[in-house]
Protein backbone atom coordinates (compact mmCIF):
# COMPACT_ATOMS: atom_id res chain seq x y z
CA MET A 1 141.63 93.20 101.23
CA LYS A 2 138.59 95.72 100.75
CA GLN A 3 139.73 99.10 99.67
CA ILE A 4 137.10 101.86 101.26
CA SER A 5 137.91 105.22 99.40
CA PHE A 6 136.03 108.29 101.17
CA LEU A 7 135.25 111.14 98.80
CA LEU A 8 136.72 114.55 99.95
CA THR A 9 134.77 117.25 97.44
CA GLY A 10 135.62 120.27 99.72
CA GLY A 11 131.62 121.08 100.12
CA LYS A 12 130.68 121.75 103.69
CA LEU A 13 131.72 118.22 105.83
CA LYS A 14 129.51 116.82 108.24
CA PRO A 15 132.28 115.00 110.25
CA THR A 16 130.39 112.62 112.19
CA SER A 17 129.53 109.88 108.79
CA LEU A 18 133.12 110.72 108.19
CA PHE A 19 134.75 109.30 111.71
CA GLY A 20 132.06 107.20 112.48
CA ALA A 21 132.39 104.72 108.93
CA ILE A 22 136.60 104.83 109.62
CA GLU A 23 135.71 103.96 113.21
CA VAL A 24 133.05 100.83 111.94
CA PHE A 25 135.83 99.80 109.74
CA GLU A 26 138.66 99.56 111.97
CA LYS A 27 136.82 98.24 114.79
CA ALA A 28 135.65 95.17 112.25
CA ASN A 29 139.56 95.10 111.87
CA GLN A 30 140.38 94.51 114.91
CA PHE A 31 138.33 91.86 115.24
CA LEU A 32 139.59 90.41 112.82
CA HIS A 33 142.97 90.94 114.06
CA LYS A 34 142.19 89.19 117.39
CA LYS A 35 140.54 86.09 115.64
CA GLY A 36 144.26 85.73 113.68
CA GLU A 37 143.04 86.97 110.52
CA ALA A 38 144.73 89.42 108.81
CA PRO A 39 143.03 93.04 108.24
CA TYR A 40 140.03 93.43 106.20
CA TYR A 41 140.19 97.22 105.58
CA GLU A 42 142.39 99.50 103.90
CA ILE A 43 141.01 103.19 104.53
CA GLN A 44 142.34 106.19 102.21
CA LEU A 45 140.79 109.64 101.72
CA VAL A 46 140.60 110.86 98.58
CA GLY A 47 139.78 113.87 96.87
CA ASP A 48 140.78 117.53 97.20
CA GLU A 49 142.94 118.28 100.85
CA PHE A 50 140.48 119.17 103.64
CA GLY A 51 139.95 122.36 106.00
CA GLN A 52 136.96 123.62 107.95
CA PRO A 53 135.83 125.00 111.36
CA MET A 54 134.15 122.82 113.75
CA LEU A 55 132.26 124.59 116.47
CA ASN A 56 135.19 126.69 118.38
CA SER A 57 138.14 124.81 116.33
CA PHE A 58 139.28 124.33 113.09
CA PHE A 59 140.01 121.11 111.50
CA SER A 60 142.18 119.92 108.20
CA LEU A 61 142.94 116.29 106.40
CA ASN A 62 146.07 115.28 104.91
CA SER A 63 147.62 113.19 103.00
CA LEU A 64 144.54 112.70 100.29
CA LYS A 65 145.03 111.39 97.41
CA SER A 66 143.56 113.40 93.81
CA VAL A 67 141.01 110.60 92.10
CA SER A 68 143.15 110.65 89.52
CA GLU A 69 145.60 108.62 91.56
CA VAL A 70 143.50 106.05 92.56
CA GLU A 71 143.15 103.75 89.58
CA LYS A 72 140.79 101.19 91.47
CA THR A 73 139.05 101.36 94.45
CA ASP A 74 136.85 98.71 96.08
CA CYS A 75 134.28 100.84 97.77
CA ILE A 76 133.66 104.43 97.12
CA ILE A 77 132.34 106.39 100.58
CA ILE A 78 131.02 109.75 100.06
CA PRO A 79 129.78 111.62 103.69
CA ALA A 80 127.04 114.20 104.37
CA PHE A 81 127.50 117.34 102.87
CA GLU A 82 125.73 120.29 102.71
CA PRO A 83 123.41 120.09 99.42
CA GLU A 84 124.53 121.82 96.46
CA GLU A 85 122.63 123.36 93.64
CA ASN A 86 125.34 123.26 90.71
CA ALA A 87 127.30 120.08 92.40
CA ALA A 88 126.88 118.42 89.01
CA GLY A 89 128.90 120.94 87.42
CA LYS A 90 131.15 121.93 90.51
CA TYR A 91 132.41 118.77 90.91
CA ALA A 92 132.10 116.89 87.42
CA ASN A 93 136.53 115.29 87.55
CA ALA A 94 135.17 113.59 90.92
CA LEU A 95 131.98 112.16 90.07
CA ALA A 96 132.80 111.37 86.61
CA TRP A 97 135.28 109.51 88.99
CA VAL A 98 132.55 107.59 91.32
CA VAL A 99 130.84 106.65 88.04
CA ASP A 100 133.93 104.91 86.39
CA GLN A 101 135.03 103.38 89.46
CA TYR A 102 131.07 102.30 89.66
CA LYS A 103 131.55 100.84 85.77
CA CYS A 104 134.73 98.69 86.66
CA GLY A 105 132.79 97.16 89.94
CA ALA A 106 133.18 99.22 92.66
CA GLU A 107 130.41 99.65 95.26
CA VAL A 108 129.78 103.72 96.11
CA ALA A 109 127.57 104.03 99.29
CA SER A 110 126.56 107.96 100.38
CA LEU A 111 125.29 109.38 103.77
CA CYS A 112 123.05 111.25 104.98
CA THR A 113 122.82 114.45 102.29
CA GLY A 114 125.73 112.66 100.69
CA ALA A 115 122.69 111.26 98.41
CA PHE A 116 122.47 114.43 96.98
CA LEU A 117 126.42 114.37 95.53
CA LEU A 118 125.50 110.45 94.51
CA ALA A 119 122.02 111.71 92.93
CA SER A 120 124.34 114.57 91.17
CA SER A 121 126.30 111.69 89.38
CA GLY A 122 123.84 109.65 88.04
CA LEU A 123 124.30 106.54 90.09
CA LEU A 124 120.41 106.87 91.49
CA ASP A 125 118.29 106.88 88.75
CA ASP A 126 116.17 104.36 88.68
CA LYS A 127 116.72 103.58 92.53
CA ILE A 128 114.86 103.47 95.74
CA CYS A 129 116.73 106.07 97.89
CA SER A 130 117.21 107.97 101.33
CA THR A 131 118.95 110.48 103.34
CA HIS A 132 117.45 112.73 106.51
CA TRP A 133 114.00 113.41 106.35
CA LYS A 134 114.94 116.80 107.48
CA ALA A 135 116.54 117.21 103.87
CA GLU A 136 113.40 115.06 102.05
CA ALA A 137 111.65 118.61 100.63
CA ALA A 138 115.08 119.56 98.79
CA PHE A 139 115.94 116.72 97.89
CA LYS A 140 113.00 116.47 96.13
CA ARG A 141 112.55 119.86 94.51
CA MET A 142 116.86 119.35 92.88
CA PHE A 143 116.47 115.62 91.55
CA PRO A 144 112.20 114.96 91.09
CA ASN A 145 112.41 111.66 89.19
CA LEU A 146 114.10 110.31 91.87
CA LYS A 147 112.49 107.97 93.90
CA LEU A 148 113.11 108.59 97.44
CA ALA A 149 112.47 106.69 100.50
CA THR A 150 113.58 108.61 103.65
CA ASP A 151 111.46 106.09 105.70
CA LYS A 152 114.46 103.89 104.96
CA ILE A 153 117.42 103.32 107.22
CA ILE A 154 118.95 101.46 104.74
CA THR A 155 118.87 100.96 100.05
CA ASP A 156 120.69 98.69 97.93
CA HIS A 157 120.45 98.22 95.20
CA LYS A 158 122.88 96.60 92.61
CA GLY A 159 126.12 97.87 94.47
CA ILE A 160 125.00 101.56 95.36
CA TYR A 161 123.93 101.99 99.37
CA THR A 162 122.37 105.06 100.76
CA ALA A 163 121.90 105.95 104.52
CA GLY A 164 118.96 107.72 106.29
CA GLY A 165 120.16 110.98 108.40
CA GLY A 166 122.31 111.36 111.67
CA MET A 167 123.44 108.17 113.60
CA SER A 168 121.27 106.17 110.62
CA ALA A 169 125.06 106.08 108.51
CA PHE A 170 125.72 103.23 111.54
CA ASN A 171 123.85 100.78 110.08
CA LEU A 172 124.74 101.13 106.73
CA TRP A 173 128.45 100.45 107.64
CA LEU A 174 127.45 97.54 110.37
CA TYR A 175 125.14 96.02 107.09
CA LEU A 176 128.10 96.24 104.49
CA VAL A 177 130.97 94.96 107.74
CA GLU A 178 128.14 92.10 108.20
CA LYS A 179 127.93 91.44 104.18
CA TYR A 180 131.72 91.32 103.76
CA ASN A 181 132.58 89.97 107.01
CA GLY A 182 129.75 88.34 108.67
CA ARG A 183 127.36 88.61 111.83
CA GLU A 184 129.33 87.89 114.17
CA THR A 185 131.97 91.24 113.26
CA ALA A 186 129.02 93.28 112.71
CA LEU A 187 127.77 92.47 115.96
CA TYR A 188 131.06 92.59 117.52
CA CYS A 189 131.28 96.13 116.20
CA SER A 190 127.92 96.93 116.78
CA LYS A 191 128.69 95.66 120.77
CA VAL A 192 131.97 97.81 121.53
CA LEU A 193 130.57 101.00 119.93
CA GLN A 194 126.69 100.23 121.46
CA LEU A 195 125.26 100.85 117.91
CA ASP A 196 121.51 99.62 117.52
CA ILE A 197 121.75 96.99 114.85
CA GLU A 198 118.18 96.20 113.86
CA ARG A 199 117.02 99.26 113.63
CA GLN A 200 115.47 99.30 110.42
CA SER A 201 113.46 103.30 110.24
CA GLN A 202 113.76 106.66 110.56
CA ALA A 203 110.32 107.28 110.62
CA PRO A 204 109.91 107.55 114.26
CA PHE A 205 112.68 110.13 114.36
CA SER A 206 110.84 112.20 111.90
CA ILE A 207 109.20 114.86 112.27
CA PHE A 208 107.07 116.37 108.71
CA ASN A 209 106.94 119.71 107.66
CA GLY A 210 104.93 120.23 103.72
CA LEU A 211 107.49 122.31 101.71
CA LYS A 212 105.87 125.89 101.02
CA SER A 213 108.57 126.62 99.24
CA HIS A 214 106.90 126.65 96.07
CA THR A 215 104.98 129.86 94.38
CA ASP A 216 101.47 128.31 94.03
CA ASP A 217 99.48 130.44 96.67
CA THR A 218 96.00 128.66 96.42
CA ILE A 219 97.73 125.25 97.20
CA ARG A 220 99.65 126.99 100.29
CA HIS A 221 96.15 128.65 101.42
CA ILE A 222 94.93 124.33 101.25
CA GLN A 223 98.25 123.18 103.65
CA GLU A 224 97.17 125.95 105.38
CA PHE A 225 93.81 125.41 106.34
CA ILE A 226 94.39 121.29 106.41
CA GLU A 227 97.30 122.23 109.50
CA SER A 228 94.99 124.14 110.55
CA ASN A 229 91.74 122.16 111.30
CA ILE A 230 93.40 118.83 112.72
CA GLU A 231 90.48 117.65 114.35
CA GLU A 232 88.10 117.85 111.30
CA LYS A 233 87.26 115.25 108.71
CA ILE A 234 89.20 116.50 106.24
CA THR A 235 88.65 114.84 102.66
CA VAL A 236 90.27 115.20 98.91
CA ASP A 237 87.02 116.17 97.44
CA LEU A 238 86.57 119.20 100.11
CA LEU A 239 90.00 120.74 99.56
CA ALA A 240 89.08 120.55 95.16
CA ALA A 241 85.53 121.90 96.00
CA GLN A 242 87.64 124.77 98.03
CA CYS A 243 89.67 125.41 94.89
CA HIS A 244 86.85 125.39 92.35
CA MET A 245 88.71 122.31 90.98
CA ASP A 246 88.18 118.29 90.24
CA ARG A 247 89.87 116.25 92.42
CA VAL A 248 92.08 114.69 90.19
CA ASN A 249 93.52 117.83 88.60
CA PHE A 250 92.82 119.26 92.48
CA SER A 251 95.45 116.33 93.42
CA ARG A 252 98.05 116.70 90.18
CA ARG A 253 98.19 120.30 91.55
CA PHE A 254 98.72 119.53 94.54
CA LYS A 255 101.49 117.58 94.30
CA LYS A 256 103.27 119.29 91.91
CA ALA A 257 103.62 121.47 93.95
CA THR A 258 104.49 120.23 97.26
CA GLN A 259 105.73 117.02 95.90
CA ILE A 260 103.00 114.27 98.24
CA PRO A 261 99.59 113.49 97.77
CA PRO A 262 96.84 115.40 98.84
CA VAL A 263 95.90 112.31 101.07
CA ASP A 264 99.42 111.45 102.50
CA TYR A 265 99.62 115.69 103.32
CA ILE A 266 96.60 115.21 104.82
CA GLN A 267 97.58 112.29 106.94
CA GLN A 268 101.07 113.21 107.70
CA VAL A 269 99.79 116.24 108.78
CA LYS A 270 97.74 114.93 111.61
CA ILE A 271 99.65 112.27 112.83
CA GLU A 272 102.29 114.52 113.21
CA ALA A 273 100.16 116.44 115.51
CA ALA A 274 99.36 112.91 116.97
CA LYS A 275 103.03 111.94 117.45
CA ARG A 276 103.14 114.79 119.53
CA GLU A 277 99.82 114.65 121.71
CA LEU A 278 101.66 111.35 122.14
CA GLU A 279 104.99 112.53 123.57
CA ALA A 280 103.29 115.26 125.75
CA GLY A 281 101.55 112.04 127.55
CA ARG A 282 98.82 113.57 128.22
CA LYS A 283 96.24 111.71 126.99
CA ASN A 284 95.21 108.25 126.10
CA ILE A 285 95.30 107.08 122.75
CA ASN A 286 91.32 107.12 122.06
CA GLN A 287 91.60 110.88 122.98
CA VAL A 288 94.79 111.51 120.88
CA MET A 289 93.25 109.68 117.68
CA TYR A 290 89.61 112.38 118.43
CA SER A 291 92.00 115.08 118.21
CA VAL A 292 93.51 114.39 115.21
CA GLY A 293 89.66 113.39 113.55
CA TYR A 294 89.99 109.80 113.42
CA VAL A 295 87.00 107.82 115.13
CA ASP A 296 87.57 104.58 113.88
CA ILE A 297 91.17 102.65 115.64
CA LYS A 298 91.70 100.29 113.38
CA ALA A 299 92.30 102.57 110.70
CA PHE A 300 94.36 105.53 113.45
CA ARG A 301 96.34 102.72 113.94
CA THR A 302 97.04 101.79 110.72
CA VAL A 303 97.63 104.90 109.37
CA PHE A 304 99.97 105.64 112.23
CA LYS A 305 101.99 102.64 111.49
CA LYS A 306 102.68 103.81 108.24
CA VAL A 307 103.54 107.20 108.69
CA ALA A 308 105.44 106.32 111.96
CA GLY A 309 106.68 103.34 111.60
CA LEU A 310 105.61 102.25 114.74
CA SER A 311 102.03 101.12 116.69
CA PRO A 312 100.54 104.44 118.18
CA THR A 313 101.34 102.41 121.15
CA GLU A 314 104.93 102.04 120.95
CA TYR A 315 105.83 105.58 120.00
CA LYS A 316 104.60 106.41 123.24
CA ALA A 317 106.05 104.11 124.99
CA ARG A 318 109.29 105.60 123.44
CA PHE A 319 108.84 109.36 123.69
CA SER A 320 106.43 109.85 125.81
CA HIS A 321 107.62 112.51 128.33
């Protein structure tokens, strides 16, 4: 039997990530029971006694164990919480417990913005991680040295797992069930809960919104210029000249302020505009390409798929009105 410990720290919980994970593991236990096998997962809630408002009601979670009561667990799951600046200090005891359990062989997984709390523990250092694409700017600001990949649904590195935002957490649970119990059990959970087990990227669902909460007014002006001239062919040299800087110094300053290189910023702004045009469905792909400043269909398709995770044709088929 594998003991799964959900860590509740007292922060503002996003309950879907918690209850959804529990349901997947329960369905796996049900499937194993039908096959005449013993239940595999034992679920426990560890941390603070918990209560918070949700819509027009209030819910509470009781019968919790404190971290000091749990000497050994097999897997720790950190649900999605509202990110907090001082999480490392505020939840020092809980995070120290997570680190100690990991050193003793436990696996650790974060859901959505639970990655902020996991990052505060230090366990994500030198590892690729994911979180909700909407939290990307805040994560990069708080943890600028970590390797964030918000296009990824799941990351897996030496017993540390992270999941992207929203329903992406379900894909991580299916991934773990398949790892622990095999493909047949994971497919059963997928079918019963009507989840897409093969979803690999959250890129098609993301909405790019460049970081502008920095203090560099010159770079913010350049960001606004890019966003106001989507139909033009914009180069890094052109932007550097506007700032009276050489390309290298401009690129370094732009990345310091926005957390991404100017070439990537230009591409993401243009592809975001292209996505909105494709969703509207009034233009064909060539017309959309020209409207965002591309003239080479091969180059446009390549960049679009790199940024959006789908080809323009696939994106239009899935998301157009």
